[in-house]
C-alpha atoms as a PDB file:
ATOM      1  CA  MET A   1    -110.336  16.481 213.547  1.00  0.00           C
ATOM      2  CA  GLY A   2    -109.329  16.544 209.864  1.00  0.00           C
ATOM      3  CA  LYS A   3    -105.902  17.543 208.613  1.00  0.00           C
ATOM      4  CA  ALA A   4    -107.147  20.904 207.326  1.00  0.00           C
ATOM      5  CA  SER A   5    -108.683  21.726 210.715  1.00  0.00           C
ATOM      6  CA  THR A   6    -105.516  20.620 212.493  1.00  0.00           C
ATOM      7  CA  ASP A   7    -103.365  22.782 210.216  1.00  0.00           C
ATOM      8  CA  GLN A   8    -105.587  25.787 210.860  1.00  0.00           C
ATOM      9  CA  ALA A   9    -105.451  25.224 214.615  1.00  0.00           C
ATOM     10  CA  VAL A  10    -101.662  24.942 214.499  1.00  0.00           C
ATOM     11  CA  MET A  11    -101.396  28.147 212.473  1.00  0.00           C
ATOM     12  CA  ARG A  12    -103.639  30.047 214.890  1.00  0.00           C
ATOM     13  CA  PHE A  13    -101.570  28.805 217.806  1.00  0.00           C
ATOM     14  CA  LEU A  14     -98.239  29.704 216.163  1.00  0.00           C
ATOM     15  CA  THR A  15     -99.299  33.184 215.053  1.00  0.00           C
ATOM     16  CA  GLY A  16    -100.086  33.994 218.681  1.00  0.00           C
ATOM     17  CA  ILE A  17     -96.472  33.358 219.746  1.00  0.00           C
ATOM     18  CA  ARG A  18     -93.729  35.978 219.528  1.00  0.00           C
ATOM     19  CA  VAL A  19     -89.957  35.771 219.766  1.00  0.00           C
ATOM     20  CA  GLY A  20     -89.044  36.506 223.382  1.00  0.00           C
ATOM     21  CA  ASP A  21     -92.167  34.891 224.834  1.00  0.00           C
ATOM     22  CA  LEU A  22     -91.789  32.302 227.572  1.00  0.00           C
ATOM     23  CA  CYS A  23     -93.489  29.012 226.736  1.00  0.00           C
ATOM     24  CA  SER A  24     -94.068  26.029 228.979  1.00  0.00           C
ATOM     25  CA  GLY A  25     -94.708  22.440 228.071  1.00  0.00           C
ATOM     26  CA  THR A  26     -93.886  18.784 228.568  1.00  0.00           C
ATOM     27  CA  VAL A  27     -90.948  17.014 226.959  1.00  0.00           C
ATOM     28  CA  ALA A  28     -92.359  14.508 224.466  1.00  0.00           C
ATOM     29  CA  ALA A  29     -89.156  13.077 222.991  1.00  0.00           C
ATOM     30  CA  VAL A  30     -85.393  13.458 223.254  1.00  0.00           C
ATOM     31  CA  SER A  31     -82.817  12.772 220.548  1.00  0.00           C
ATOM     32  CA  ARG A  32     -79.125  13.578 220.208  1.00  0.00           C
ATOM     33  CA  SER A  33     -79.938  16.784 218.365  1.00  0.00           C
ATOM     34  CA  GLU A  34     -83.312  17.952 219.664  1.00  0.00           C
ATOM     35  CA  VAL A  35     -85.799  17.985 222.522  1.00  0.00           C
ATOM     36  CA  SER A  36     -89.430  17.927 221.318  1.00  0.00           C
ATOM     37  CA  VAL A  37     -91.904  19.724 223.554  1.00  0.00           C
ATOM     38  CA  ALA A  38     -95.693  19.478 223.712  1.00  0.00           C
ATOM     39  CA  LEU A  39     -96.518  23.096 224.378  1.00  0.00           C
ATOM     40  CA  ASP A  40     -99.292  24.081 226.771  1.00  0.00           C
ATOM     41  CA  GLY A  41    -102.377  25.234 224.891  1.00  0.00           C
ATOM     42  CA  SER A  42    -101.828  23.086 221.807  1.00  0.00           C
ATOM     43  CA  THR A  43    -103.325  19.650 221.230  1.00  0.00           C
ATOM     44  CA  ALA A  44    -101.445  19.092 217.981  1.00  0.00           C
ATOM     45  CA  TYR A  45     -98.172  17.182 217.644  1.00  0.00           C
ATOM     46  CA  PRO A  46     -95.295  18.556 219.779  1.00  0.00           C
ATOM     47  CA  LEU A  47     -94.692  22.016 218.294  1.00  0.00           C
ATOM     48  CA  GLY A  48     -91.801  23.085 220.509  1.00  0.00           C
ATOM     49  CA  ALA A  49     -88.192  22.196 219.783  1.00  0.00           C
ATOM     50  CA  VAL A  50     -84.976  22.836 221.701  1.00  0.00           C
ATOM     51  CA  GLY A  51     -81.865  22.421 219.564  1.00  0.00           C
ATOM     52  CA  ALA A  52     -78.700  20.833 220.944  1.00  0.00           C
ATOM     53  CA  LEU A  53     -76.950  24.208 221.196  1.00  0.00           C
ATOM     54  CA  ASP A  54     -79.885  25.852 222.977  1.00  0.00           C
ATOM     55  CA  GLY A  55     -80.265  23.352 225.777  1.00  0.00           C
ATOM     56  CA  SER A  56     -77.721  24.688 228.230  1.00  0.00           C
ATOM     57  CA  TRP A  57     -74.463  26.651 228.321  1.00  0.00           C
ATOM     58  CA  GLY A  58     -73.156  24.604 231.217  1.00  0.00           C
ATOM     59  CA  ARG A  59     -74.602  21.100 230.991  1.00  0.00           C
ATOM     60  CA  ARG A  60     -74.396  18.298 228.447  1.00  0.00           C
ATOM     61  CA  PHE A  61     -77.409  18.175 226.153  1.00  0.00           C
ATOM     62  CA  ALA A  62     -78.160  14.619 227.314  1.00  0.00           C
ATOM     63  CA  ASP A  63     -78.596  15.934 230.862  1.00  0.00           C
ATOM     64  CA  VAL A  64     -80.851  18.873 229.998  1.00  0.00           C
ATOM     65  CA  ALA A  65     -84.278  17.214 229.976  1.00  0.00           C
ATOM     66  CA  GLY A  66     -86.051  13.867 229.998  1.00  0.00           C
ATOM     67  CA  VAL A  67     -89.345  12.631 228.572  1.00  0.00           C
ATOM     68  CA  GLY A  68     -92.265  13.762 230.737  1.00  0.00           C
ATOM     69  CA  GLN A  69     -90.340  16.629 232.310  1.00  0.00           C
ATOM     70  CA  ARG A  70     -91.960  20.052 232.541  1.00  0.00           C
ATOM     71  CA  ILE A  71     -89.867  22.900 231.123  1.00  0.00           C
ATOM     72  CA  THR A  72     -90.149  26.621 230.514  1.00  0.00           C
ATOM     73  CA  ALA A  73     -88.061  28.118 227.714  1.00  0.00           C
ATOM     74  CA  GLU A  74     -87.806  31.328 225.711  1.00  0.00           C
ATOM     75  CA  VAL A  75     -88.928  31.510 222.080  1.00  0.00           C
ATOM     76  CA  THR A  76     -86.037  32.273 219.699  1.00  0.00           C
ATOM     77  CA  ALA A  77     -87.895  31.683 216.413  1.00  0.00           C
ATOM     78  CA  VAL A  78     -91.324  30.730 215.068  1.00  0.00           C
ATOM     79  CA  ASP A  79     -91.294  28.734 211.824  1.00  0.00           C
ATOM     80  CA  LEU A  80     -94.785  28.988 210.347  1.00  0.00           C
ATOM     81  CA  VAL A  81     -93.879  26.859 207.325  1.00  0.00           C
ATOM     82  CA  ALA A  82     -92.511  23.924 209.299  1.00  0.00           C
ATOM     83  CA  GLY A  83     -94.930  24.421 212.174  1.00  0.00           C
ATOM     84  CA  ARG A  84     -92.224  24.668 214.852  1.00  0.00           C
ATOM     85  CA  VAL A  85     -91.465  26.913 217.781  1.00  0.00           C
ATOM     86  CA  TRP A  86     -87.742  27.026 218.500  1.00  0.00           C
ATOM     87  CA  LEU A  87     -86.933  27.403 222.160  1.00  0.00           C
ATOM     88  CA  SER A  88     -83.930  28.148 224.347  1.00  0.00           C
ATOM     89  CA  MET A  89     -83.645  26.571 227.774  1.00  0.00           C
ATOM     90  CA  ALA A  90     -80.305  28.362 228.222  1.00  0.00           C
ATOM     91  CA  ALA A  91     -82.248  31.634 228.235  1.00  0.00           C
ATOM     92  CA  THR A  92     -84.305  30.651 231.275  1.00  0.00           C
ATOM     93  CA  GLU A  93     -81.297  28.995 232.901  1.00  0.00           C
ATOM     94  CA  HIS A  94     -79.417  32.328 232.930  1.00  0.00           C
ATOM     95  CA  PRO A  95     -82.130  35.008 232.759  1.00  0.00           C
ATOM     96  CA  GLU A  96     -79.940  37.899 233.940  1.00  0.00           C
ATOM     97  CA  LEU A  97     -77.399  37.339 231.175  1.00  0.00           C
ATOM     98  CA  TRP A  98     -80.118  36.816 228.551  1.00  0.00           C
ATOM     99  CA  VAL A  99     -81.912  40.044 229.507  1.00  0.00           C
ATOM    100  CA  PHE A 100     -78.643  41.990 229.389  1.00  0.00           C
ATOM    101  CA  LEU A 101     -77.770  40.694 225.920  1.00  0.00           C
ATOM    102  CA  LYS A 102     -81.275  41.248 224.543  1.00  0.00           C
ATOM    103  CA  ARG A 103     -81.264  44.943 225.421  1.00  0.00           C
ATOM    104  CA  LEU A 104     -78.057  45.655 223.501  1.00  0.00           C
ATOM    105  CA  ARG A 105     -78.478  47.407 220.142  1.00  0.00           C
ATOM    106  CA  ARG A 106     -76.342  47.149 217.039  1.00  0.00           C
ATOM    107  CA  GLY A 107     -73.816  49.974 216.874  1.00  0.00           C
ATOM    108  CA  GLU A 108     -73.694  50.445 220.643  1.00  0.00           C
ATOM    109  CA  ILE A 109     -70.159  50.873 222.006  1.00  0.00           C
ATOM    110  CA  LEU A 110     -69.191  48.475 224.799  1.00  0.00           C
ATOM    111  CA  ALA A 111     -66.027  48.702 226.887  1.00  0.00           C
ATOM    112  CA  GLY A 112     -64.157  45.886 228.571  1.00  0.00           C
ATOM    113  CA  THR A 113     -60.910  44.037 229.097  1.00  0.00           C
ATOM    114  CA  VAL A 114     -59.409  41.331 226.896  1.00  0.00           C
ATOM    115  CA  ALA A 115     -59.860  38.179 228.993  1.00  0.00           C
ATOM    116  CA  ALA A 116     -58.564  35.434 226.699  1.00  0.00           C
ATOM    117  CA  ILE A 117     -57.108  34.952 223.224  1.00  0.00           C
ATOM    118  CA  GLU A 118     -58.058  31.742 221.433  1.00  0.00           C
ATOM    119  CA  ARG A 119     -57.401  30.397 217.933  1.00  0.00           C
ATOM    120  CA  PHE A 120     -61.031  31.149 217.020  1.00  0.00           C
ATOM    121  CA  GLY A 121     -61.307  34.657 218.504  1.00  0.00           C
ATOM    122  CA  VAL A 122     -60.918  36.931 221.513  1.00  0.00           C
ATOM    123  CA  PHE A 123     -63.042  36.989 224.677  1.00  0.00           C
ATOM    124  CA  VAL A 124     -63.775  40.335 226.308  1.00  0.00           C
ATOM    125  CA  ALA A 125     -64.932  40.763 229.906  1.00  0.00           C
ATOM    126  CA  LEU A 126     -67.412  43.623 229.619  1.00  0.00           C
ATOM    127  CA  ASP A 127     -67.527  46.405 232.200  1.00  0.00           C
ATOM    128  CA  GLU A 128     -71.307  46.171 232.403  1.00  0.00           C
ATOM    129  CA  GLY A 129     -73.574  43.166 232.687  1.00  0.00           C
ATOM    130  CA  PRO A 130     -73.167  39.777 234.372  1.00  0.00           C
ATOM    131  CA  GLU A 131     -70.316  37.346 233.881  1.00  0.00           C
ATOM    132  CA  HIS A 132     -70.660  34.414 231.496  1.00  0.00           C
ATOM    133  CA  PRO A 133     -71.270  31.057 233.204  1.00  0.00           C
ATOM    134  CA  ILE A 134     -68.805  29.245 230.928  1.00  0.00           C
ATOM    135  CA  PHE A 135     -66.584  31.618 228.940  1.00  0.00           C
ATOM    136  CA  PRO A 136     -63.952  34.095 230.179  1.00  0.00           C
ATOM    137  CA  GLY A 137     -66.083  36.995 228.981  1.00  0.00           C
ATOM    138  CA  VAL A 138     -69.520  37.806 227.601  1.00  0.00           C
ATOM    139  CA  GLY A 139     -68.025  39.765 224.694  1.00  0.00           C
ATOM    140  CA  PHE A 140     -66.459  37.934 221.755  1.00  0.00           C
ATOM    141  CA  ILE A 141     -64.491  39.244 218.747  1.00  0.00           C
ATOM    142  CA  THR A 142     -63.935  37.004 215.729  1.00  0.00           C
ATOM    143  CA  TYR A 143     -60.618  37.367 213.890  1.00  0.00           C
ATOM    144  CA  PRO A 144     -62.026  39.328 210.910  1.00  0.00           C
ATOM    145  CA  GLU A 145     -63.469  41.917 213.324  1.00  0.00           C
ATOM    146  CA  LEU A 146     -60.176  42.562 215.133  1.00  0.00           C
ATOM    147  CA  SER A 147     -58.530  44.860 212.597  1.00  0.00           C
ATOM    148  CA  TRP A 148     -58.769  46.280 209.087  1.00  0.00           C
ATOM    149  CA  ARG A 149     -55.123  45.330 208.583  1.00  0.00           C
ATOM    150  CA  ARG A 150     -53.671  41.923 207.847  1.00  0.00           C
ATOM    151  CA  PHE A 151     -52.172  40.181 210.881  1.00  0.00           C
ATOM    152  CA  GLU A 152     -50.733  36.763 211.638  1.00  0.00           C
ATOM    153  CA  ALA A 153     -52.012  36.285 215.190  1.00  0.00           C
ATOM    154  CA  ALA A 154     -54.576  37.974 217.423  1.00  0.00           C
ATOM    155  CA  SER A 155     -51.743  38.832 219.795  1.00  0.00           C
ATOM    156  CA  ASP A 156     -50.446  41.164 217.063  1.00  0.00           C
ATOM    157  CA  VAL A 157     -53.564  43.278 217.645  1.00  0.00           C
ATOM    158  CA  VAL A 158     -54.523  42.866 221.300  1.00  0.00           C
ATOM    159  CA  GLU A 159     -53.096  41.381 224.484  1.00  0.00           C
ATOM    160  CA  ILE A 160     -54.665  39.892 227.589  1.00  0.00           C
ATOM    161  CA  GLY A 161     -55.529  42.610 230.075  1.00  0.00           C
ATOM    162  CA  GLN A 162     -55.786  45.316 227.421  1.00  0.00           C
ATOM    163  CA  ARG A 163     -58.685  47.756 227.634  1.00  0.00           C
ATOM    164  CA  VAL A 164     -60.824  47.873 224.475  1.00  0.00           C
ATOM    165  CA  SER A 165     -63.938  49.645 223.223  1.00  0.00           C
ATOM    166  CA  CYS A 166     -65.900  47.717 220.606  1.00  0.00           C
ATOM    167  CA  GLU A 167     -69.060  48.064 218.562  1.00  0.00           C
ATOM    168  CA  PHE A 168     -71.853  45.616 219.327  1.00  0.00           C
ATOM    169  CA  LEU A 169     -72.822  43.563 216.261  1.00  0.00           C
ATOM    170  CA  GLN A 170     -75.323  40.966 217.431  1.00  0.00           C
ATOM    171  CA  PHE A 171     -76.528  38.718 220.226  1.00  0.00           C
ATOM    172  CA  ASP A 172     -75.242  35.187 219.660  1.00  0.00           C
ATOM    173  CA  THR A 173     -78.094  33.234 221.243  1.00  0.00           C
ATOM    174  CA  THR A 174     -76.288  29.925 220.735  1.00  0.00           C
ATOM    175  CA  ASN A 175     -73.345  30.770 222.981  1.00  0.00           C
ATOM    176  CA  GLY A 176     -74.855  33.584 225.017  1.00  0.00           C
ATOM    177  CA  GLU A 177     -72.310  36.085 223.712  1.00  0.00           C
ATOM    178  CA  ALA A 178     -72.205  39.689 222.590  1.00  0.00           C
ATOM    179  CA  ARG A 179     -70.501  39.571 219.193  1.00  0.00           C
ATOM    180  CA  LEU A 180     -68.231  42.611 218.952  1.00  0.00           C
ATOM    181  CA  SER A 181     -66.128  44.465 216.399  1.00  0.00           C
ATOM    182  CA  LEU A 182     -62.918  46.224 217.353  1.00  0.00           C
ATOM    183  CA  ARG A 183     -62.159  47.340 213.810  1.00  0.00           C
ATOM    184  CA  ALA A 184     -65.527  49.117 213.516  1.00  0.00           C
ATOM    185  CA  THR A 185     -64.290  51.671 216.060  1.00  0.00           C
ATOM    186  CA  GLN A 186     -61.204  52.438 213.949  1.00  0.00           C
ATOM    187  CA  PRO A 187     -60.833  54.373 210.677  1.00  0.00           C
ATOM    188  CA  ASP A 188     -60.954  52.176 207.598  1.00  0.00           C
ATOM    189  CA  PRO A 189     -57.578  52.683 205.856  1.00  0.00           C
ATOM    190  CA  PHE A 190     -59.012  51.468 202.558  1.00  0.00           C
ATOM    191  CA  LEU A 191     -61.574  54.268 202.322  1.00  0.00           C
ATOM    192  CA  THR A 192     -58.958  56.891 203.165  1.00  0.00           C
ATOM    193  CA  PHE A 193     -56.654  55.412 200.540  1.00  0.00           C
ATOM    194  CA  ALA A 194     -59.440  55.207 197.942  1.00  0.00           C
ATOM    195  CA  ASP A 195     -60.018  58.953 198.257  1.00  0.00           C
ATOM    196  CA  SER A 196     -56.414  59.636 197.256  1.00  0.00           C
ATOM    197  CA  ILE A 197     -55.998  57.468 194.140  1.00  0.00           C
ATOM    198  CA  ALA A 198     -57.565  57.023 190.706  1.00  0.00           C
ATOM    199  CA  VAL A 199     -57.776  54.323 188.093  1.00  0.00           C
ATOM    200  CA  GLY A 200     -54.679  54.446 185.890  1.00  0.00           C
ATOM    201  CA  GLN A 201     -52.376  55.569 188.676  1.00  0.00           C
ATOM    202  CA  ILE A 202     -49.012  53.814 189.126  1.00  0.00           C
ATOM    203  CA  LEU A 203     -48.133  52.597 192.634  1.00  0.00           C
ATOM    204  CA  ARG A 204     -45.227  50.808 194.275  1.00  0.00           C
ATOM    205  CA  GLY A 205     -45.878  47.986 196.697  1.00  0.00           C
ATOM    206  CA  ARG A 206     -44.632  44.786 198.307  1.00  0.00           C
ATOM    207  CA  VAL A 207     -45.939  41.330 197.397  1.00  0.00           C
ATOM    208  CA  THR A 208     -47.510  39.884 200.561  1.00  0.00           C
ATOM    209  CA  LYS A 209     -49.168  36.679 199.393  1.00  0.00           C
ATOM    210  CA  LEU A 210     -49.213  34.351 196.397  1.00  0.00           C
ATOM    211  CA  ILE A 211     -52.436  32.505 195.552  1.00  0.00           C
ATOM    212  CA  PRO A 212     -53.318  30.288 192.553  1.00  0.00           C
ATOM    213  CA  PHE A 213     -55.175  33.077 190.737  1.00  0.00           C
ATOM    214  CA  GLY A 214     -52.810  35.980 191.442  1.00  0.00           C
ATOM    215  CA  VAL A 215     -50.888  37.878 194.121  1.00  0.00           C
ATOM    216  CA  PHE A 216     -51.661  40.422 196.793  1.00  0.00           C
ATOM    217  CA  VAL A 217     -49.601  43.592 196.891  1.00  0.00           C
ATOM    218  CA  GLN A 218     -49.508  46.004 199.837  1.00  0.00           C
ATOM    219  CA  VAL A 219     -49.606  49.514 198.406  1.00  0.00           C
ATOM    220  CA  ALA A 220     -50.234  51.443 201.646  1.00  0.00           C
ATOM    221  CA  ASP A 221     -50.454  50.777 205.369  1.00  0.00           C
ATOM    222  CA  GLY A 222     -53.393  48.402 205.820  1.00  0.00           C
ATOM    223  CA  VAL A 223     -54.248  48.388 202.097  1.00  0.00           C
ATOM    224  CA  GLU A 224     -53.653  45.472 199.743  1.00  0.00           C
ATOM    225  CA  GLY A 225     -54.690  45.001 196.146  1.00  0.00           C
ATOM    226  CA  LEU A 226     -55.012  41.907 193.974  1.00  0.00           C
ATOM    227  CA  VAL A 227     -53.043  41.435 190.780  1.00  0.00           C
ATOM    228  CA  PRO A 228     -54.906  38.675 188.888  1.00  0.00           C
ATOM    229  CA  LEU A 229     -52.755  35.973 187.327  1.00  0.00           C
ATOM    230  CA  HIS A 230     -53.413  37.201 183.784  1.00  0.00           C
ATOM    231  CA  GLU A 231     -52.278  40.700 184.794  1.00  0.00           C
ATOM    232  CA  LEU A 232     -48.925  39.594 186.220  1.00  0.00           C
ATOM    233  CA  SER A 233     -47.100  39.490 182.927  1.00  0.00           C
ATOM    234  CA  SER A 234     -47.502  40.470 179.281  1.00  0.00           C
ATOM    235  CA  THR A 235     -47.040  36.781 178.447  1.00  0.00           C
ATOM    236  CA  PRO A 236     -49.202  33.965 179.900  1.00  0.00           C
ATOM    237  CA  VAL A 237     -47.938  32.331 183.108  1.00  0.00           C
ATOM    238  CA  GLU A 238     -49.164  29.190 184.858  1.00  0.00           C
ATOM    239  CA  ALA A 239     -48.380  30.198 188.435  1.00  0.00           C
ATOM    240  CA  PRO A 240     -47.630  33.512 190.181  1.00  0.00           C
ATOM    241  CA  GLU A 241     -44.286  32.229 191.503  1.00  0.00           C
ATOM    242  CA  ASP A 242     -43.105  32.077 187.880  1.00  0.00           C
ATOM    243  CA  VAL A 243     -43.056  35.889 187.946  1.00  0.00           C
ATOM    244  CA  VAL A 244     -42.773  37.199 191.521  1.00  0.00           C
ATOM    245  CA  GLY A 245     -42.067  36.081 195.062  1.00  0.00           C
ATOM    246  CA  THR A 246     -43.305  37.102 198.504  1.00  0.00           C
ATOM    247  CA  GLY A 247     -41.486  40.241 199.615  1.00  0.00           C
ATOM    248  CA  ASP A 248     -40.733  41.508 196.100  1.00  0.00           C
ATOM    249  CA  VAL A 249     -41.282  45.229 195.532  1.00  0.00           C
ATOM    250  CA  VAL A 250     -43.182  45.841 192.291  1.00  0.00           C
ATOM    251  CA  SER A 251     -44.826  48.634 190.318  1.00  0.00           C
ATOM    252  CA  VAL A 252     -48.528  48.185 189.672  1.00  0.00           C
ATOM    253  CA  LEU A 253     -51.285  49.987 187.786  1.00  0.00           C
ATOM    254  CA  VAL A 254     -54.653  50.652 189.463  1.00  0.00           C
ATOM    255  CA  THR A 255     -57.406  49.121 187.297  1.00  0.00           C
ATOM    256  CA  GLU A 256     -60.381  49.170 189.668  1.00  0.00           C
ATOM    257  CA  VAL A 257     -61.300  50.686 193.033  1.00  0.00           C
ATOM    258  CA  ASP A 258     -64.455  49.152 194.568  1.00  0.00           C
ATOM    259  CA  ARG A 259     -65.252  51.137 197.710  1.00  0.00           C
ATOM    260  CA  GLU A 260     -68.385  49.160 198.570  1.00  0.00           C
ATOM    261  CA  ARG A 261     -66.620  45.793 198.609  1.00  0.00           C
ATOM    262  CA  ARG A 262     -63.274  47.289 199.699  1.00  0.00           C
ATOM    263  CA  ARG A 263     -61.568  45.780 196.689  1.00  0.00           C
ATOM    264  CA  LEU A 264     -58.539  47.102 194.850  1.00  0.00           C
ATOM    265  CA  THR A 265     -57.586  45.492 191.543  1.00  0.00           C
ATOM    266  CA  LEU A 266     -54.130  46.007 190.084  1.00  0.00           C
ATOM    267  CA  SER A 267     -52.052  45.117 187.029  1.00  0.00           C
ATOM    268  CA  ARG A 268     -48.326  44.881 186.331  1.00  0.00           C
END
């Protein structure tokens, strides 16, 4: 069979596969980063691929599969350009959890209990659905999604054992998690603040952070604005600390209010 015929056969095979389908096949090769699978129904090169993070949530990737082994995995993506079908063996390893996570819809409110606080985010044990085979909870909140307000540690926002209601953002197929947002269920202080001010208005605020290109000033609860370096003084300065320090109370002029990007620009 010529290359053109092979390419056409591969394309016909791939276009018949949908995300969420279960595909079976035989492991053709195993590397540190990928398991190649000769899918049933295709005579072309091995079209299936299981990435290292999709092999298992509980076993080492090296122990997931061996050459010649039969596997069944769920399709997570079909790449028509590269001619690959990306598969998840973790999905078929924990079907109850996978089904639960797949039926969730963005914007849905999920309730649960804070199960663990880590340096990379917060785990939430959800009231509904199965437990996670590895993590303390199926729900997970990244730091940016904890609060609209600036905080130093997650424990400033939540504590273990606390009841929370969060908005579902997406199904993290890599870790088998429901990515959640706690801040999405709370009023955005920036939008409320933006409705009450106008460009040209003078505000008083406290300097919260110095960065190479300016300083941040808190002008309301949960609202900070940036004073660019060139707006710190009427004369040029090389560094913000030449003019102000953290904790200083200053008067600032509102120069721009960007509601879409939640950005407040100020000048001294």
